[in-house]
Amino acid sequence: MSFRIEEKILIGKNEIIEFKKIYQKKFLKKLYQPRLIRSLYFENLNNDIYNDSVEGMLPRKKIRVRSYPNEEKNKFYLEKKISSVEGRFKQKKKNW
């Protein structure tokens, strides 16, 4: 299982524009053209998946179906995202 590491930083309202300029110049490259993404997230009766996410619980998971309406028709992805102390991992199945 291959995990990715994500780092989050807090930026004040007054710093957003300057941060964006610097970050885009040094680190960002466009991977995709602007596109429409449609996602449907699944939850249980107790809203445990949502509550775990809001509280930052580890490990936790998200389950969703995602499609890109402007691309191929009838192309859906079932995605399961797992967050743990080791990092984040995503499993993806096409047209399940």
Protein backbone atom coordinates (compact mmCIF):
# COMPACT_ATOMS: atom_id res chain seq x y z
CA MET A 1 0.00 0.00 0.00
CA SER A 2 1.46 3.33 -1.06
CA PHE A 3 0.62 6.31 1.14
CA ARG A 4 1.02 10.00 0.41
CA ILE A 5 1.95 12.59 3.00
CA GLU A 6 0.02 15.86 3.16
CA GLU A 7 1.08 18.93 5.09
CA LYS A 8 -1.35 21.72 5.95
CA ILE A 9 -0.34 25.24 6.92
CA LEU A 10 -2.38 28.10 8.31
CA ILE A 11 -2.39 31.32 6.28
CA GLY A 12 -4.03 34.57 7.40
CA LYS A 13 -6.56 36.39 5.22
CA ASN A 14 -4.10 39.19 4.49
CA GLU A 15 -1.42 36.73 3.31
CA ILE A 16 -3.45 34.70 0.81
CA ILE A 17 -2.76 36.72 -2.35
CA GLU A 18 0.98 37.01 -1.71
CA PHE A 19 1.25 33.33 -0.76
CA LYS A 20 -0.58 32.30 -3.94
CA LYS A 21 1.75 34.38 -6.14
CA ILE A 22 4.91 32.93 -4.58
CA TYR A 23 3.64 29.36 -4.43
CA GLN A 24 2.40 29.31 -8.04
CA LYS A 25 5.68 30.71 -9.30
CA LYS A 26 7.85 28.18 -7.43
CA PHE A 27 5.87 24.99 -6.92
CA LEU A 28 2.61 24.66 -8.85
CA LYS A 29 1.99 23.38 -12.33
CA LYS A 30 -1.39 22.89 -13.98
CA LEU A 31 -2.26 19.19 -14.27
CA TYR A 32 -5.77 19.49 -15.67
CA GLN A 33 -7.80 22.00 -17.64
CA PRO A 34 -10.77 23.47 -15.75
CA ARG A 35 -13.38 20.73 -15.48
CA LEU A 36 -16.61 19.75 -13.80
CA ILE A 37 -16.37 17.05 -11.13
CA ARG A 38 -19.46 15.41 -9.67
CA SER A 39 -19.04 13.57 -6.35
CA LEU A 40 -21.48 11.59 -4.21
CA TYR A 41 -20.24 10.81 -0.69
CA PHE A 42 -21.55 7.88 1.35
CA GLU A 43 -22.32 7.99 5.07
CA ASN A 44 -23.72 5.72 7.75
CA LEU A 45 -26.83 6.41 9.87
CA ASN A 46 -24.79 7.98 12.70
CA ASN A 47 -22.77 10.29 10.39
CA ASP A 48 -19.58 8.68 11.73
CA ILE A 49 -17.57 9.27 8.54
CA TYR A 50 -18.34 13.01 8.58
CA ASN A 51 -17.81 13.37 12.33
CA ASP A 52 -14.46 11.51 12.21
CA SER A 53 -13.33 13.88 9.45
CA VAL A 54 -14.39 17.04 11.32
CA GLU A 55 -12.72 15.82 14.53
CA GLY A 56 -9.55 14.74 12.70
CA MET A 57 -9.79 11.16 13.94
CA LEU A 58 -7.20 8.65 12.71
CA PRO A 59 -7.63 6.27 11.08
CA ARG A 60 -10.66 7.41 9.09
CA LYS A 61 -12.07 6.85 5.62
CA LYS A 62 -14.26 8.45 2.96
CA ILE A 63 -16.23 6.57 0.34
CA ARG A 64 -17.49 8.33 -2.78
CA VAL A 65 -18.56 7.89 -6.38
CA ARG A 66 -17.01 10.44 -8.72
CA SER A 67 -17.63 11.31 -12.36
CA TYR A 68 -16.40 13.93 -14.81
CA PRO A 69 -19.53 14.89 -16.81
CA ASN A 70 -17.66 16.73 -19.58
CA GLU A 71 -15.58 13.64 -20.37
CA GLU A 72 -16.64 10.13 -21.39
CA LYS A 73 -20.25 9.26 -20.61
CA ASN A 74 -21.04 6.50 -18.13
CA LYS A 75 -17.56 6.70 -16.64
CA PHE A 76 -17.79 6.47 -12.85
CA TYR A 77 -15.16 5.85 -10.20
CA LEU A 78 -15.73 4.30 -6.80
CA GLU A 79 -13.10 5.77 -4.48
CA LYS A 80 -12.15 4.85 -0.94
CA LYS A 81 -9.79 7.26 0.80
CA ILE A 82 -8.04 6.18 3.98
CA SER A 83 -6.23 8.59 6.31
CA SER A 84 -3.91 7.16 8.95
CA VAL A 85 -0.83 8.17 10.91
CA GLU A 86 1.29 6.79 8.03
CA GLY A 87 -0.36 9.12 5.46
CA ARG A 88 -3.25 8.99 3.00
CA PHE A 89 -4.13 6.26 0.55
CA LYS A 90 -6.77 6.15 -2.19
CA GLN A 91 -8.24 3.06 -3.87
CA LYS A 92 -10.06 3.71 -7.14
CA LYS A 93 -12.26 1.38 -9.22
CA LYS A 94 -13.53 2.43 -12.66
CA ASN A 95 -17.07 1.63 -13.79
CA TRP A 96 -17.80 -0.67 -10.91
